[in-house]
Amino acid sequence: MLVMLLVSTLLMVVGCSTVRNPSPTWPTNLNVIELKDGGICLDKASAEKLAEFKADLEAI
């Protein structure tokens, strides 16, 4: 019984003290170009921001 209490306390302390990396934030100020057929495109700078965001998410 005492062993279970010690193990559960240890797991709680270790779990609560782990440092989490902050999640990447969604890129802002993307230049979206609306196409006549209803689709959308991004300009080069916006596409690069979005690709960087995607890479950051995949690295988690």
PDB file of N, CA and C in Angstrom:
ATOM      1  N   MET A   1       0.825  -1.189   0.000  1.00  0.00           N
ATOM      2  CA  MET A   1       0.000   0.000   0.000  1.00  0.00           C
ATOM      3  C   MET A   1       0.869   1.253   0.000  1.00  0.00           C
ATOM      4  N   LEU A   2       1.863   1.266   0.867  1.00  0.00           N
ATOM      5  CA  LEU A   2       2.754   2.416   0.958  1.00  0.00           C
ATOM      6  C   LEU A   2       3.567   2.566  -0.324  1.00  0.00           C
ATOM      7  N   VAL A   3       3.951   1.429  -0.892  1.00  0.00           N
ATOM      8  CA  VAL A   3       4.719   1.463  -2.140  1.00  0.00           C
ATOM      9  C   VAL A   3       3.882   2.073  -3.262  1.00  0.00           C
ATOM     10  N   MET A   4       2.624   1.699  -3.334  1.00  0.00           N
ATOM     11  CA  MET A   4       1.735   2.252  -4.359  1.00  0.00           C
ATOM     12  C   MET A   4       1.589   3.759  -4.194  1.00  0.00           C
ATOM     13  N   LEU A   5       1.469   4.214  -2.969  1.00  0.00           N
ATOM     14  CA  LEU A   5       1.345   5.639  -2.691  1.00  0.00           C
ATOM     15  C   LEU A   5       2.610   6.378  -3.112  1.00  0.00           C
ATOM     16  N   LEU A   6       3.766   5.813  -2.798  1.00  0.00           N
ATOM     17  CA  LEU A   6       5.033   6.442  -3.175  1.00  0.00           C
ATOM     18  C   LEU A   6       5.205   6.494  -4.691  1.00  0.00           C
ATOM     19  N   VAL A   7       4.881   5.407  -5.361  1.00  0.00           N
ATOM     20  CA  VAL A   7       5.013   5.355  -6.819  1.00  0.00           C
ATOM     21  C   VAL A   7       4.060   6.345  -7.481  1.00  0.00           C
ATOM     22  N   SER A   8       2.827   6.405  -7.028  1.00  0.00           N
ATOM     23  CA  SER A   8       1.873   7.333  -7.640  1.00  0.00           C
ATOM     24  C   SER A   8       2.273   8.781  -7.382  1.00  0.00           C
ATOM     25  N   THR A   9       2.803   9.073  -6.197  1.00  0.00           N
ATOM     26  CA  THR A   9       3.275  10.427  -5.901  1.00  0.00           C
ATOM     27  C   THR A   9       4.461  10.783  -6.782  1.00  0.00           C
ATOM     28  N   LEU A  10       5.385   9.851  -6.942  1.00  0.00           N
ATOM     29  CA  LEU A  10       6.552  10.083  -7.793  1.00  0.00           C
ATOM     30  C   LEU A  10       6.134  10.336  -9.237  1.00  0.00           C
ATOM     31  N   LEU A  11       5.214   9.553  -9.750  1.00  0.00           N
ATOM     32  CA  LEU A  11       4.739   9.744 -11.124  1.00  0.00           C
ATOM     33  C   LEU A  11       4.055  11.089 -11.290  1.00  0.00           C
ATOM     34  N   MET A  12       3.301  11.502 -10.286  1.00  0.00           N
ATOM     35  CA  MET A  12       2.621  12.787 -10.360  1.00  0.00           C
ATOM     36  C   MET A  12       3.636  13.929 -10.366  1.00  0.00           C
ATOM     37  N   VAL A  13       4.655  13.844  -9.531  1.00  0.00           N
ATOM     38  CA  VAL A  13       5.673  14.899  -9.455  1.00  0.00           C
ATOM     39  C   VAL A  13       6.455  14.971 -10.758  1.00  0.00           C
ATOM     40  N   VAL A  14       6.850  13.842 -11.291  1.00  0.00           N
ATOM     41  CA  VAL A  14       7.606  13.823 -12.546  1.00  0.00           C
ATOM     42  C   VAL A  14       6.747  14.334 -13.690  1.00  0.00           C
ATOM     43  N   GLY A  15       5.502  13.917 -13.756  1.00  0.00           N
ATOM     44  CA  GLY A  15       4.604  14.357 -14.824  1.00  0.00           C
ATOM     45  C   GLY A  15       4.308  15.838 -14.769  1.00  0.00           C
ATOM     46  N   CYS A  16       4.204  16.392 -13.587  1.00  0.00           N
ATOM     47  CA  CYS A  16       3.880  17.810 -13.453  1.00  0.00           C
ATOM     48  C   CYS A  16       5.091  18.707 -13.661  1.00  0.00           C
ATOM     49  N   SER A  17       6.278  18.155 -13.538  1.00  0.00           N
ATOM     50  CA  SER A  17       7.472  18.994 -13.652  1.00  0.00           C
ATOM     51  C   SER A  17       8.091  18.961 -15.045  1.00  0.00           C
ATOM     52  N   THR A  18       7.518  18.176 -15.951  1.00  0.00           N
ATOM     53  CA  THR A  18       8.083  18.113 -17.298  1.00  0.00           C
ATOM     54  C   THR A  18       7.798  19.408 -18.041  1.00  0.00           C
ATOM     55  N   VAL A  19       8.822  19.930 -18.676  1.00  0.00           N
ATOM     56  CA  VAL A  19       8.681  21.173 -19.422  1.00  0.00           C
ATOM     57  C   VAL A  19       8.139  20.851 -20.805  1.00  0.00           C
ATOM     58  N   ARG A  20       7.080  21.532 -21.179  1.00  0.00           N
ATOM     59  CA  ARG A  20       6.491  21.324 -22.504  1.00  0.00           C
ATOM     60  C   ARG A  20       6.935  22.441 -23.427  1.00  0.00           C
ATOM     61  N   ASN A  21       7.249  22.077 -24.649  1.00  0.00           N
ATOM     62  CA  ASN A  21       7.575  23.083 -25.655  1.00  0.00           C
ATOM     63  C   ASN A  21       6.295  23.799 -26.065  1.00  0.00           C
ATOM     64  N   PRO A  22       6.371  25.106 -26.252  1.00  0.00           N
ATOM     65  CA  PRO A  22       5.166  25.825 -26.674  1.00  0.00           C
ATOM     66  C   PRO A  22       4.746  25.402 -28.082  1.00  0.00           C
ATOM     67  N   SER A  23       3.460  25.350 -28.293  1.00  0.00           N
ATOM     68  CA  SER A  23       2.945  25.003 -29.616  1.00  0.00           C
ATOM     69  C   SER A  23       3.198  26.155 -30.583  1.00  0.00           C
ATOM     70  N   PRO A  24       3.478  25.831 -31.848  1.00  0.00           N
ATOM     71  CA  PRO A  24       3.661  26.908 -32.826  1.00  0.00           C
ATOM     72  C   PRO A  24       2.359  27.680 -33.016  1.00  0.00           C
ATOM     73  N   THR A  25       2.493  28.957 -33.290  1.00  0.00           N
ATOM     74  CA  THR A  25       1.302  29.785 -33.487  1.00  0.00           C
ATOM     75  C   THR A  25       0.983  29.885 -34.976  1.00  0.00           C
ATOM     76  N   TRP A  26      -0.295  29.984 -35.259  1.00  0.00           N
ATOM     77  CA  TRP A  26      -0.759  30.079 -36.637  1.00  0.00           C
ATOM     78  C   TRP A  26      -0.182  31.342 -37.267  1.00  0.00           C
ATOM     79  N   PRO A  27       0.346  31.259 -38.496  1.00  0.00           N
ATOM     80  CA  PRO A  27       0.914  32.452 -39.136  1.00  0.00           C
ATOM     81  C   PRO A  27      -0.159  33.511 -39.395  1.00  0.00           C
ATOM     82  N   THR A  28       0.231  34.759 -39.242  1.00  0.00           N
ATOM     83  CA  THR A  28      -0.710  35.863 -39.442  1.00  0.00           C
ATOM     84  C   THR A  28      -0.357  36.621 -40.714  1.00  0.00           C
ATOM     85  N   ASN A  29      -1.267  37.454 -41.148  1.00  0.00           N
ATOM     86  CA  ASN A  29      -1.087  38.308 -42.327  1.00  0.00           C
ATOM     87  C   ASN A  29      -0.744  37.515 -43.589  1.00  0.00           C
ATOM     88  N   LEU A  30      -1.459  36.413 -43.802  1.00  0.00           N
ATOM     89  CA  LEU A  30      -1.281  35.660 -45.041  1.00  0.00           C
ATOM     90  C   LEU A  30      -2.049  36.370 -46.151  1.00  0.00           C
ATOM     91  N   ASN A  31      -1.414  36.503 -47.304  1.00  0.00           N
ATOM     92  CA  ASN A  31      -2.049  37.155 -48.444  1.00  0.00           C
ATOM     93  C   ASN A  31      -2.743  36.086 -49.283  1.00  0.00           C
ATOM     94  N   VAL A  32      -4.057  35.994 -49.135  1.00  0.00           N
ATOM     95  CA  VAL A  32      -4.848  34.987 -49.836  1.00  0.00           C
ATOM     96  C   VAL A  32      -5.413  35.603 -51.106  1.00  0.00           C
ATOM     97  N   ILE A  33      -5.229  34.905 -52.215  1.00  0.00           N
ATOM     98  CA  ILE A  33      -5.733  35.360 -53.513  1.00  0.00           C
ATOM     99  C   ILE A  33      -6.891  34.439 -53.906  1.00  0.00           C
ATOM    100  N   GLU A  34      -8.080  35.024 -54.072  1.00  0.00           N
ATOM    101  CA  GLU A  34      -9.250  34.235 -54.457  1.00  0.00           C
ATOM    102  C   GLU A  34      -9.303  34.105 -55.973  1.00  0.00           C
ATOM    103  N   LEU A  35      -9.458  32.887 -56.451  1.00  0.00           N
ATOM    104  CA  LEU A  35      -9.526  32.621 -57.886  1.00  0.00           C
ATOM    105  C   LEU A  35     -10.967  32.682 -58.372  1.00  0.00           C
ATOM    106  N   LYS A  36     -11.139  32.896 -59.648  1.00  0.00           N
ATOM    107  CA  LYS A  36     -12.483  32.995 -60.230  1.00  0.00           C
ATOM    108  C   LYS A  36     -13.261  31.692 -60.114  1.00  0.00           C
ATOM    109  N   ASP A  37     -12.547  30.563 -60.135  1.00  0.00           N
ATOM    110  CA  ASP A  37     -13.234  29.272 -60.068  1.00  0.00           C
ATOM    111  C   ASP A  37     -13.590  28.860 -58.635  1.00  0.00           C
ATOM    112  N   GLY A  38     -13.332  29.749 -57.661  1.00  0.00           N
ATOM    113  CA  GLY A  38     -13.692  29.462 -56.277  1.00  0.00           C
ATOM    114  C   GLY A  38     -12.539  28.977 -55.426  1.00  0.00           C
ATOM    115  N   GLY A  39     -11.399  28.709 -56.035  1.00  0.00           N
ATOM    116  CA  GLY A  39     -10.233  28.265 -55.274  1.00  0.00           C
ATOM    117  C   GLY A  39      -9.483  29.437 -54.667  1.00  0.00           C
ATOM    118  N   ILE A  40      -8.443  29.125 -53.948  1.00  0.00           N
ATOM    119  CA  ILE A  40      -7.600  30.171 -53.376  1.00  0.00           C
ATOM    120  C   ILE A  40      -6.132  29.834 -53.603  1.00  0.00           C
ATOM    121  N   CYS A  41      -5.301  30.858 -53.584  1.00  0.00           N
ATOM    122  CA  CYS A  41      -3.847  30.708 -53.688  1.00  0.00           C
ATOM    123  C   CYS A  41      -3.205  31.616 -52.647  1.00  0.00           C
ATOM    124  N   LEU A  42      -1.946  31.357 -52.351  1.00  0.00           N
ATOM    125  CA  LEU A  42      -1.165  32.219 -51.472  1.00  0.00           C
ATOM    126  C   LEU A  42      -0.012  32.798 -52.270  1.00  0.00           C
ATOM    127  N   ASP A  43       0.394  34.024 -51.925  1.00  0.00           N
ATOM    128  CA  ASP A  43       1.595  34.551 -52.568  1.00  0.00           C
ATOM    129  C   ASP A  43       2.813  33.829 -51.985  1.00  0.00           C
ATOM    130  N   LYS A  44       3.988  34.066 -52.557  1.00  0.00           N
ATOM    131  CA  LYS A  44       5.192  33.315 -52.181  1.00  0.00           C
ATOM    132  C   LYS A  44       5.526  33.460 -50.697  1.00  0.00           C
ATOM    133  N   ALA A  45       5.494  34.683 -50.167  1.00  0.00           N
ATOM    134  CA  ALA A  45       5.842  34.901 -48.757  1.00  0.00           C
ATOM    135  C   ALA A  45       4.856  34.184 -47.827  1.00  0.00           C
ATOM    136  N   SER A  46       3.579  34.242 -48.166  1.00  0.00           N
ATOM    137  CA  SER A  46       2.564  33.581 -47.343  1.00  0.00           C
ATOM    138  C   SER A  46       2.709  32.064 -47.409  1.00  0.00           C
ATOM    139  N   ALA A  47       3.011  31.545 -48.587  1.00  0.00           N
ATOM    140  CA  ALA A  47       3.208  30.105 -48.736  1.00  0.00           C
ATOM    141  C   ALA A  47       4.409  29.640 -47.917  1.00  0.00           C
ATOM    142  N   GLU A  48       5.466  30.451 -47.869  1.00  0.00           N
ATOM    143  CA  GLU A  48       6.643  30.102 -47.071  1.00  0.00           C
ATOM    144  C   GLU A  48       6.312  30.104 -45.579  1.00  0.00           C
ATOM    145  N   LYS A  49       5.523  31.092 -45.122  1.00  0.00           N
ATOM    146  CA  LYS A  49       5.102  31.133 -43.714  1.00  0.00           C
ATOM    147  C   LYS A  49       4.296  29.885 -43.362  1.00  0.00           C
ATOM    148  N   LEU A  50       3.380  29.517 -44.257  1.00  0.00           N
ATOM    149  CA  LEU A  50       2.533  28.359 -44.009  1.00  0.00           C
ATOM    150  C   LEU A  50       3.354  27.069 -44.010  1.00  0.00           C
ATOM    151  N   ALA A  51       4.321  26.963 -44.905  1.00  0.00           N
ATOM    152  CA  ALA A  51       5.185  25.782 -44.953  1.00  0.00           C
ATOM    153  C   ALA A  51       6.037  25.677 -43.685  1.00  0.00           C
ATOM    154  N   GLU A  52       6.516  26.808 -43.179  1.00  0.00           N
ATOM    155  CA  GLU A  52       7.297  26.811 -41.941  1.00  0.00           C
ATOM    156  C   GLU A  52       6.433  26.378 -40.753  1.00  0.00           C
ATOM    157  N   PHE A  53       5.193  26.863 -40.723  1.00  0.00           N
ATOM    158  CA  PHE A  53       4.257  26.476 -39.672  1.00  0.00           C
ATOM    159  C   PHE A  53       3.996  24.970 -39.721  1.00  0.00           C
ATOM    160  N   LYS A  54       3.804  24.434 -40.920  1.00  0.00           N
ATOM    161  CA  LYS A  54       3.556  22.999 -41.085  1.00  0.00           C
ATOM    162  C   LYS A  54       4.751  22.194 -40.599  1.00  0.00           C
ATOM    163  N   ALA A  55       5.961  22.637 -40.937  1.00  0.00           N
ATOM    164  CA  ALA A  55       7.166  21.934 -40.496  1.00  0.00           C
ATOM    165  C   ALA A  55       7.292  21.962 -38.973  1.00  0.00           C
ATOM    166  N   ASP A  56       6.960  23.097 -38.364  1.00  0.00           N
ATOM    167  CA  ASP A  56       7.004  23.197 -36.900  1.00  0.00           C
ATOM    168  C   ASP A  56       6.009  22.235 -36.255  1.00  0.00           C
ATOM    169  N   LEU A  57       4.816  22.122 -36.830  1.00  0.00           N
ATOM    170  CA  LEU A  57       3.813  21.195 -36.294  1.00  0.00           C
ATOM    171  C   LEU A  57       4.271  19.745 -36.428  1.00  0.00           C
ATOM    172  N   GLU A  58       4.862  19.413 -37.566  1.00  0.00           N
ATOM    173  CA  GLU A  58       5.312  18.039 -37.782  1.00  0.00           C
ATOM    174  C   GLU A  58       6.489  17.679 -36.888  1.00  0.00           C
ATOM    175  N   ALA A  59       7.243  18.682 -36.435  1.00  0.00           N
ATOM    176  CA  ALA A  59       8.404  18.429 -35.586  1.00  0.00           C
ATOM    177  C   ALA A  59       8.013  18.136 -34.137  1.00  0.00           C
ATOM    178  N   ILE A  60       6.765  18.388 -33.794  1.00  0.00           N
ATOM    179  CA  ILE A  60       6.328  18.163 -32.404  1.00  0.00           C
ATOM    180  C   ILE A  60       6.211  16.681 -32.129  1.00  0.00           C
TER     181      ILE A  60
END
